[in-house]
Amino acid sequence: MTSHSRKPSAVDPPAANPLILSVYAHDIHAHAVRWGLRRNGYAPVWAHSLADEALTPASLEFDDQGGVAAFGALSPGAVSSVWFRRPRFPEHFPRTQESDLPFVRNEWKRFLLNAYAVADALAGTFWVNRPNAAVEAENKLVQMRAAQRCGLTFPRTLVSSDPAQIRRFVADNGQVVYKPFQTHTWQDAEGRMYSTYARTIDAAMLEDEDSLRQCPGIYQALVPKTHDVRVTVVGGRFLAARLEGGGDATFVDWRASSIGNRVSSSATTLPAALEAKISALMRELGIVFGCVDLAIDAEGRAHFLEVNQSGQFLFLEHSVPELPILQAVCAMLGQARADYAIEAIQGVSYADYLASDEHREWWDAVSGDIRQDGNIPGVSLE
């Protein structure tokens, strides 16, 4: 494999190096960040979970005097930062008998839940994001409570599976958007593909009582917007893009519109007051990385929609190359701090990554085996 030569860095890599936790072999974000860190002299490790045999076994020791000490894969001497990207509990143990698998899987799950729960106490390790905060921040209602405390405007929202409440909410608010808790793509028995994105509700969608009761959803008053803004927050840096639908009347969810190349993107900046509120939101949620979605109305007011603490960002740099998101993520993980020096990471952009031999060889190795029953696990257009 041919690689680019390392360029000199203003910050020398530490003795310990970043750990990337992501279960998906085709996670292009994990691979791109690993590539960028390697180009700058770091030696990141990409693992599916702490059960990976490539890692030194992790140990945690407690006593009633000194608290908790970490050894192995989680020790400060082994890892400077952990990107809690998209880990999962381990399931495959080739040397374990079939009858023992349920016990082994459950023990690993419980061990990891314990390790993640005390991550705050592991001195010398920088988490992106801290596991407990990451899991909590995935909840939409937790986000809204935090947004309210930070002074962010957001549309009136109902979470429900009650047909009467849903119909009442629609009647009270006029135009309403339905959105799932998480975007999902699947294939039916006839081979047709479906994806769940945000969409406006019409009367026909409210007629079937069983459908409304069977699956809870998020219902939100429609913001009459002129465009969206996607803000990738990397530590103390705000990398914002303006997303426009080109007059498309169906432009409710830019992710769905992007499938037909109906979205135009450009770099933008945020007012200082809005940046301050988003900074407060990140502190309230206890996270240092997140992708914030805003709807902007005709008066220029920003309406908070959500923050994805493990959001995708390479598609945004692809559309708006002047946003150095990959460089920023590499800098934060490499230097293991939120107030990183971005210029210390050199020769790293998404365009450079796509042009590299490493990307081509990796994609050739994983691309042929990523679909499962029509799905691409762990991948969304978001």
Protein backbone atom coordinates (compact mmCIF):
# COMPACT_ATOMS: atom_id res chain seq x y z
CA MET A 1 0.00 0.00 0.00
CA THR A 2 1.36 3.40 -0.98
CA SER A 3 0.94 6.21 1.55
CA HIS A 4 1.60 9.91 1.58
CA SER A 5 4.69 11.04 3.41
CA ARG A 6 4.14 12.63 6.77
CA LYS A 7 4.22 16.42 6.84
CA PRO A 8 5.77 18.19 9.83
CA SER A 9 3.33 19.00 12.62
CA ALA A 10 3.40 21.88 15.06
CA VAL A 11 2.28 19.47 17.79
CA ASP A 12 4.22 16.26 18.35
CA PRO A 13 2.05 13.15 18.73
CA PRO A 14 1.75 11.94 22.33
CA ALA A 15 3.07 8.62 23.56
CA ALA A 16 -0.52 7.37 23.78
CA ASN A 17 -2.73 7.43 20.69
CA PRO A 18 -6.40 7.69 19.74
CA LEU A 19 -8.80 4.75 19.90
CA ILE A 20 -11.69 4.68 17.42
CA LEU A 21 -14.68 2.55 18.48
CA SER A 22 -16.94 1.76 15.50
CA VAL A 23 -18.45 -1.63 14.73
CA TYR A 24 -19.00 -1.15 10.99
CA ALA A 25 -16.16 -2.27 8.72
CA HIS A 26 -17.46 0.11 6.04
CA ASP A 27 -17.55 3.20 8.32
CA ILE A 28 -15.91 5.71 6.01
CA HIS A 29 -15.73 8.29 8.79
CA ALA A 30 -13.68 5.97 10.99
CA HIS A 31 -11.39 5.08 8.10
CA ALA A 32 -10.92 8.70 6.98
CA VAL A 33 -10.05 9.86 10.50
CA ARG A 34 -7.64 6.97 10.95
CA TRP A 35 -6.01 7.93 7.63
CA GLY A 36 -5.71 11.58 8.65
CA LEU A 37 -4.21 10.77 12.03
CA ARG A 38 -1.70 8.37 10.49
CA ARG A 39 -0.61 11.04 8.00
CA ASN A 40 0.33 13.21 10.95
CA GLY A 41 2.37 10.68 12.86
CA TYR A 42 -0.27 9.21 15.19
CA ALA A 43 -0.93 5.49 15.53
CA PRO A 44 -4.72 5.26 15.99
CA VAL A 45 -6.41 1.93 16.63
CA TRP A 46 -9.82 1.21 15.10
CA ALA A 47 -11.75 -1.45 17.03
CA HIS A 48 -15.34 -2.70 16.94
CA SER A 49 -15.44 -2.79 20.74
CA LEU A 50 -13.16 -3.29 23.73
CA ALA A 51 -13.58 -7.04 23.16
CA ASP A 52 -11.45 -6.90 19.99
CA GLU A 53 -8.47 -9.20 20.19
CA ALA A 54 -6.35 -6.49 18.56
CA LEU A 55 -6.61 -4.52 21.81
CA THR A 56 -4.78 -5.19 25.04
CA PRO A 57 -7.45 -6.54 27.42
CA ALA A 58 -9.04 -3.72 29.41
CA SER A 59 -9.07 -3.83 33.21
CA LEU A 60 -10.49 -1.51 35.86
CA GLU A 61 -9.38 -1.71 39.48
CA PHE A 62 -11.08 -0.01 42.41
CA ASP A 63 -10.08 0.54 46.00
CA ASP A 64 -11.62 2.61 48.77
CA GLN A 65 -8.68 5.01 48.88
CA GLY A 66 -7.60 5.75 45.32
CA GLY A 67 -10.78 5.23 43.35
CA VAL A 68 -10.55 3.64 39.91
CA ALA A 69 -7.44 2.81 37.89
CA ALA A 70 -7.49 1.63 34.28
CA PHE A 71 -5.12 -0.88 32.71
CA GLY A 72 -4.73 -2.23 29.21
CA ALA A 73 -6.83 -0.77 26.41
CA LEU A 74 -8.24 2.04 28.58
CA SER A 75 -5.10 3.04 30.45
CA PRO A 76 -3.86 6.61 29.91
CA GLY A 77 -0.52 5.17 28.83
CA ALA A 78 -2.20 3.28 25.97
CA VAL A 79 -4.88 5.68 24.75
CA SER A 80 -4.98 9.48 24.77
CA SER A 81 -8.48 9.87 23.31
CA VAL A 82 -11.45 7.65 22.51
CA TRP A 83 -13.80 8.39 19.63
CA PHE A 84 -17.02 6.75 20.81
CA ARG A 85 -18.13 6.72 17.20
CA ARG A 86 -20.63 3.89 16.70
CA PRO A 87 -19.70 1.00 18.98
CA ARG A 88 -21.91 -1.99 19.65
CA PHE A 89 -21.85 -4.79 22.17
CA PRO A 90 -19.75 -7.69 20.84
CA GLU A 91 -21.56 -10.76 19.54
CA HIS A 92 -18.98 -12.93 17.76
CA PHE A 93 -16.67 -15.13 19.84
CA PRO A 94 -15.21 -17.79 17.49
CA ARG A 95 -13.62 -19.88 20.25
CA THR A 96 -16.72 -19.98 22.43
CA GLN A 97 -19.13 -22.89 22.37
CA GLU A 98 -22.60 -22.11 21.04
CA SER A 99 -24.24 -23.01 24.33
CA ASP A 100 -22.00 -20.53 26.17
CA LEU A 101 -22.55 -17.56 23.84
CA PRO A 102 -25.56 -16.02 25.66
CA PHE A 103 -23.58 -15.92 28.91
CA VAL A 104 -20.40 -14.54 27.31
CA ARG A 105 -22.29 -11.89 25.33
CA ASN A 106 -24.17 -10.73 28.41
CA GLU A 107 -21.02 -10.59 30.52
CA TRP A 108 -19.28 -8.44 27.88
CA LYS A 109 -22.33 -6.19 27.67
CA ARG A 110 -22.38 -5.71 31.43
CA PHE A 111 -18.63 -5.15 31.59
CA LEU A 112 -18.76 -2.49 28.88
CA LEU A 113 -21.75 -0.76 30.46
CA ASN A 114 -19.78 -0.57 33.71
CA ALA A 115 -16.63 0.68 31.95
CA TYR A 116 -18.53 3.34 30.03
CA ALA A 117 -20.41 4.44 33.14
CA VAL A 118 -17.15 5.34 34.93
CA ALA A 119 -15.44 6.88 31.89
CA ASP A 120 -15.50 10.27 33.62
CA ALA A 121 -13.24 8.88 36.33
CA LEU A 122 -10.55 7.67 33.92
CA ALA A 123 -8.06 10.49 34.23
CA GLY A 124 -5.94 11.28 31.20
CA THR A 125 -8.41 10.02 28.57
CA PHE A 126 -10.36 12.43 26.35
CA TRP A 127 -13.72 11.09 25.10
CA VAL A 128 -15.58 12.15 21.97
CA ASN A 129 -18.20 11.86 23.35
CA ARG A 130 -18.32 10.55 26.92
CA PRO A 131 -20.41 7.36 26.72
CA ASN A 132 -23.09 8.27 29.26
CA ALA A 133 -23.50 11.73 27.79
CA ALA A 134 -23.53 10.30 24.25
CA VAL A 135 -26.31 7.83 25.06
CA GLU A 136 -28.36 10.46 26.90
CA ALA A 137 -27.95 12.99 24.09
CA GLU A 138 -29.51 10.57 21.59
CA ASN A 139 -32.91 11.22 23.20
CA LYS A 140 -34.87 13.93 21.38
CA LEU A 141 -36.78 15.06 24.46
CA VAL A 142 -33.54 15.41 26.43
CA GLN A 143 -32.23 17.62 23.63
CA MET A 144 -35.35 19.81 23.73
CA ARG A 145 -35.19 20.28 27.49
CA ALA A 146 -31.55 21.30 27.15
CA ALA A 147 -32.36 23.61 24.21
CA GLN A 148 -35.08 25.30 26.25
CA ARG A 149 -32.69 25.90 29.14
CA CYS A 150 -30.16 27.41 26.70
CA GLY A 151 -32.63 29.82 25.11
CA LEU A 152 -32.88 28.12 21.72
CA THR A 153 -36.13 28.42 19.78
CA PHE A 154 -37.69 25.18 18.55
CA PRO A 155 -41.07 24.20 17.08
CA ARG A 156 -43.87 22.86 19.25
CA THR A 157 -43.47 19.09 19.43
CA LEU A 158 -45.60 16.06 20.31
CA VAL A 159 -44.25 12.54 20.86
CA SER A 160 -47.16 10.12 20.79
CA SER A 161 -48.88 6.94 19.65
CA ASP A 162 -52.32 8.22 20.68
CA PRO A 163 -54.49 8.91 17.58
CA ALA A 164 -56.67 11.41 19.46
CA GLN A 165 -53.67 13.43 20.67
CA ILE A 166 -52.03 13.34 17.25
CA ARG A 167 -55.19 14.59 15.52
CA ARG A 168 -55.66 17.28 18.17
CA PHE A 169 -52.04 18.42 17.70
CA VAL A 170 -52.46 18.63 13.93
CA ALA A 171 -55.71 20.57 14.29
CA ASP A 172 -54.08 23.02 16.70
CA ASN A 173 -50.93 23.61 14.64
CA GLY A 174 -52.07 23.41 11.01
CA GLN A 175 -49.12 22.14 9.01
CA VAL A 176 -47.27 19.44 10.93
CA VAL A 177 -44.17 17.39 10.14
CA TYR A 178 -43.84 13.72 11.11
CA LYS A 179 -40.35 12.39 11.76
CA PRO A 180 -39.09 9.06 13.09
CA PHE A 181 -36.86 8.81 16.13
CA GLN A 182 -34.17 7.42 13.82
CA THR A 183 -33.93 7.27 10.04
CA HIS A 184 -34.44 3.71 8.83
CA THR A 185 -34.20 2.02 5.43
CA TRP A 186 -35.61 -1.40 4.62
CA GLN A 187 -36.81 -3.64 1.80
CA ASP A 188 -40.27 -5.21 1.60
CA ALA A 189 -41.18 -8.70 0.36
CA GLU A 190 -41.49 -7.41 -3.22
CA GLY A 191 -38.02 -5.89 -3.14
CA ARG A 192 -39.18 -2.26 -2.90
CA MET A 193 -36.96 0.04 -0.84
CA TYR A 194 -38.35 2.41 1.77
CA SER A 195 -36.75 5.09 3.93
CA THR A 196 -38.19 7.11 6.78
CA TYR A 197 -37.51 10.84 6.57
CA ALA A 198 -39.33 13.86 7.90
CA ARG A 199 -42.44 14.70 5.88
CA THR A 200 -45.55 16.81 6.17
CA ILE A 201 -48.73 15.08 7.29
CA ASP A 202 -51.92 14.92 5.26
CA ALA A 203 -55.37 13.84 6.45
CA ALA A 204 -55.07 10.35 4.94
CA MET A 205 -52.14 9.59 7.23
CA LEU A 206 -54.34 10.09 10.30
CA GLU A 207 -57.23 7.81 9.30
CA ASP A 208 -55.79 4.45 10.31
CA GLU A 209 -56.07 4.12 14.11
CA ASP A 210 -54.01 0.93 14.21
CA SER A 211 -51.10 2.47 12.29
CA LEU A 212 -50.94 5.46 14.62
CA ARG A 213 -51.16 3.28 17.72
CA GLN A 214 -48.70 0.68 16.49
CA CYS A 215 -45.72 2.99 16.11
CA PRO A 216 -44.98 6.15 18.14
CA GLY A 217 -43.61 9.11 16.26
CA ILE A 218 -42.43 12.69 16.58
CA TYR A 219 -44.88 15.33 15.38
CA GLN A 220 -43.63 18.88 15.02
CA ALA A 221 -45.22 22.14 13.93
CA LEU A 222 -43.86 23.04 10.49
CA VAL A 223 -41.34 25.87 10.43
CA PRO A 224 -41.95 28.01 7.31
CA LYS A 225 -38.28 28.09 6.44
CA THR A 226 -36.20 29.61 3.68
CA HIS A 227 -33.28 27.24 4.20
CA ASP A 228 -31.53 24.95 6.67
CA VAL A 229 -28.20 25.29 8.42
CA ARG A 230 -26.13 22.29 9.45
CA VAL A 231 -23.54 23.12 12.10
CA THR A 232 -20.81 20.59 12.83
CA VAL A 233 -19.47 21.47 16.27
CA VAL A 234 -15.95 20.14 16.81
CA GLY A 235 -14.80 21.21 20.25
CA GLY A 236 -14.88 25.00 20.24
CA ARG A 237 -15.11 25.29 16.44
CA PHE A 238 -18.37 25.84 14.51
CA LEU A 239 -18.35 24.62 10.88
CA ALA A 240 -21.65 25.67 9.34
CA ALA A 241 -23.24 25.02 5.95
CA ARG A 242 -26.35 26.60 4.43
CA LEU A 243 -28.59 24.03 2.71
CA GLU A 244 -31.19 25.20 0.18
CA GLY A 245 -33.81 23.30 -1.78
CA GLY A 246 -33.91 25.52 -4.85
CA GLY A 247 -37.58 26.43 -4.48
CA ASP A 248 -38.66 22.81 -4.06
CA ALA A 249 -42.01 22.87 -2.24
CA THR A 250 -41.33 19.42 -0.79
CA PHE A 251 -38.07 20.55 0.84
CA VAL A 252 -38.91 19.47 4.38
CA ASP A 253 -36.03 17.08 5.06
CA TRP A 254 -32.83 18.00 3.21
CA ARG A 255 -31.59 14.41 3.55
CA ALA A 256 -34.42 13.13 1.35
CA SER A 257 -34.01 15.98 -1.14
CA SER A 258 -30.28 15.34 -1.43
CA ILE A 259 -30.98 11.94 -3.02
CA GLY A 260 -32.03 13.68 -6.23
CA ASN A 261 -29.27 16.31 -6.00
CA ARG A 262 -31.88 18.92 -5.21
CA VAL A 263 -29.88 20.55 -2.42
CA SER A 264 -27.32 23.31 -2.85
CA SER A 265 -24.77 23.87 -0.09
CA SER A 266 -22.51 26.76 0.83
CA ALA A 267 -20.44 27.81 3.81
CA THR A 268 -22.02 30.22 6.26
CA THR A 269 -21.36 31.79 9.64
CA LEU A 270 -23.56 32.02 12.71
CA PRO A 271 -24.42 35.13 14.72
CA ALA A 272 -22.40 35.30 17.92
CA ALA A 273 -25.53 35.05 20.06
CA LEU A 274 -26.58 31.83 18.32
CA GLU A 275 -23.09 30.36 18.68
CA ALA A 276 -23.24 31.14 22.40
CA LYS A 277 -26.56 29.29 22.74
CA ILE A 278 -25.27 26.25 20.85
CA SER A 279 -22.13 26.24 23.01
CA ALA A 280 -24.36 26.25 26.06
CA LEU A 281 -26.37 23.36 24.58
CA MET A 282 -23.21 21.30 24.06
CA ARG A 283 -22.14 21.95 27.66
CA GLU A 284 -25.61 21.13 28.94
CA LEU A 285 -25.54 17.81 27.09
CA GLY A 286 -21.94 17.15 28.10
CA ILE A 287 -20.69 16.55 24.54
CA VAL A 288 -17.78 18.02 22.56
CA PHE A 289 -18.86 16.89 19.08
CA GLY A 290 -22.27 17.13 17.46
CA CYS A 291 -24.10 17.95 14.23
CA VAL A 292 -26.77 20.58 14.89
CA ASP A 293 -29.67 21.04 12.48
CA LEU A 294 -31.39 24.44 12.29
CA ALA A 295 -34.34 25.69 10.21
CA ILE A 296 -34.13 29.37 9.28
CA ASP A 297 -37.37 31.31 8.73
CA ALA A 298 -38.02 34.36 6.56
CA GLU A 299 -37.09 36.72 9.43
CA GLY A 300 -33.75 34.97 9.82
CA ARG A 301 -34.68 33.29 13.09
CA ALA A 302 -33.00 29.94 13.74
CA HIS A 303 -35.21 27.11 14.98
CA PHE A 304 -33.38 24.23 16.64
CA LEU A 305 -34.40 20.83 15.26
CA GLU A 306 -31.89 18.38 16.73
CA VAL A 307 -28.27 17.57 17.47
CA ASN A 308 -26.75 14.26 16.41
CA GLN A 309 -23.85 13.48 18.71
CA SER A 310 -22.44 10.88 16.28
CA GLY A 311 -23.55 12.59 13.08
CA GLN A 312 -22.09 12.18 9.62
CA PHE A 313 -19.95 15.05 8.34
CA LEU A 314 -17.91 13.94 5.33
CA PHE A 315 -20.81 14.50 2.92
CA LEU A 316 -20.84 18.13 4.05
CA GLU A 317 -17.14 18.66 3.42
CA HIS A 318 -17.61 16.98 0.04
CA SER A 319 -20.28 19.57 -0.86
CA VAL A 320 -18.48 22.49 0.79
CA PRO A 321 -14.71 21.75 0.59
CA GLU A 322 -13.78 24.96 2.41
CA LEU A 323 -15.16 23.50 5.64
CA PRO A 324 -12.17 21.65 7.20
CA ILE A 325 -14.28 19.23 9.24
CA LEU A 326 -12.09 16.16 8.80
CA GLN A 327 -9.01 18.17 9.74
CA ALA A 328 -10.76 19.49 12.86
CA VAL A 329 -11.89 16.05 14.02
CA CYS A 330 -8.37 14.67 13.54
CA ALA A 331 -6.90 17.62 15.42
CA MET A 332 -9.25 17.21 18.40
CA LEU A 333 -8.69 13.45 18.65
CA GLY A 334 -4.95 13.71 18.06
CA GLN A 335 -4.38 16.43 20.64
CA ALA A 336 -7.00 14.96 23.00
CA ARG A 337 -8.57 18.27 23.90
CA ALA A 338 -11.48 20.46 22.83
CA ASP A 339 -9.29 23.57 22.42
CA TYR A 340 -7.08 21.94 19.80
CA ALA A 341 -4.85 23.74 17.29
CA ILE A 342 -6.31 22.82 13.90
CA GLU A 343 -3.19 23.94 12.01
CA ALA A 344 -1.20 21.20 13.75
CA ILE A 345 -2.91 18.66 11.47
CA GLN A 346 -1.61 19.07 7.93
CA GLY A 347 -2.37 17.53 4.55
CA VAL A 348 -5.81 16.29 5.64
CA SER A 349 -9.01 16.96 3.70
CA TYR A 350 -11.83 14.77 2.48
CA ALA A 351 -10.76 15.38 -1.12
CA ASP A 352 -7.21 14.24 -0.33
CA TYR A 353 -8.57 11.18 1.43
CA LEU A 354 -10.79 10.18 -1.52
CA ALA A 355 -7.78 10.54 -3.85
CA SER A 356 -5.54 8.38 -1.68
CA ASP A 357 -4.49 4.81 -2.37
CA GLU A 358 -5.57 3.93 1.18
CA HIS A 359 -9.16 4.89 0.45
CA ARG A 360 -9.30 3.04 -2.86
CA GLU A 361 -7.81 -0.15 -1.46
CA TRP A 362 -10.00 -0.07 1.64
CA TRP A 363 -13.19 0.57 -0.33
CA ASP A 364 -12.39 -2.22 -2.77
CA ALA A 365 -12.05 -4.55 0.21
CA VAL A 366 -15.31 -3.63 2.00
CA SER A 367 -17.77 -2.33 -0.61
CA GLY A 368 -18.79 -5.69 -2.02
CA ASP A 369 -20.06 -7.08 1.26
CA ILE A 370 -21.92 -4.27 3.00
CA ARG A 371 -25.55 -4.86 2.04
CA GLN A 372 -27.71 -7.05 4.25
CA ASP A 373 -31.24 -7.72 2.92
CA GLY A 374 -31.11 -4.46 1.04
CA ASN A 375 -29.86 -2.45 3.99
CA ILE A 376 -26.49 -0.83 4.49
CA PRO A 377 -26.09 -1.15 8.27
CA GLY A 378 -25.01 1.95 10.08
CA VAL A 379 -25.12 4.16 6.99
CA SER A 380 -27.56 6.99 6.39
CA LEU A 381 -27.60 9.98 4.08
CA GLU A 382 -27.65 12.15 7.18
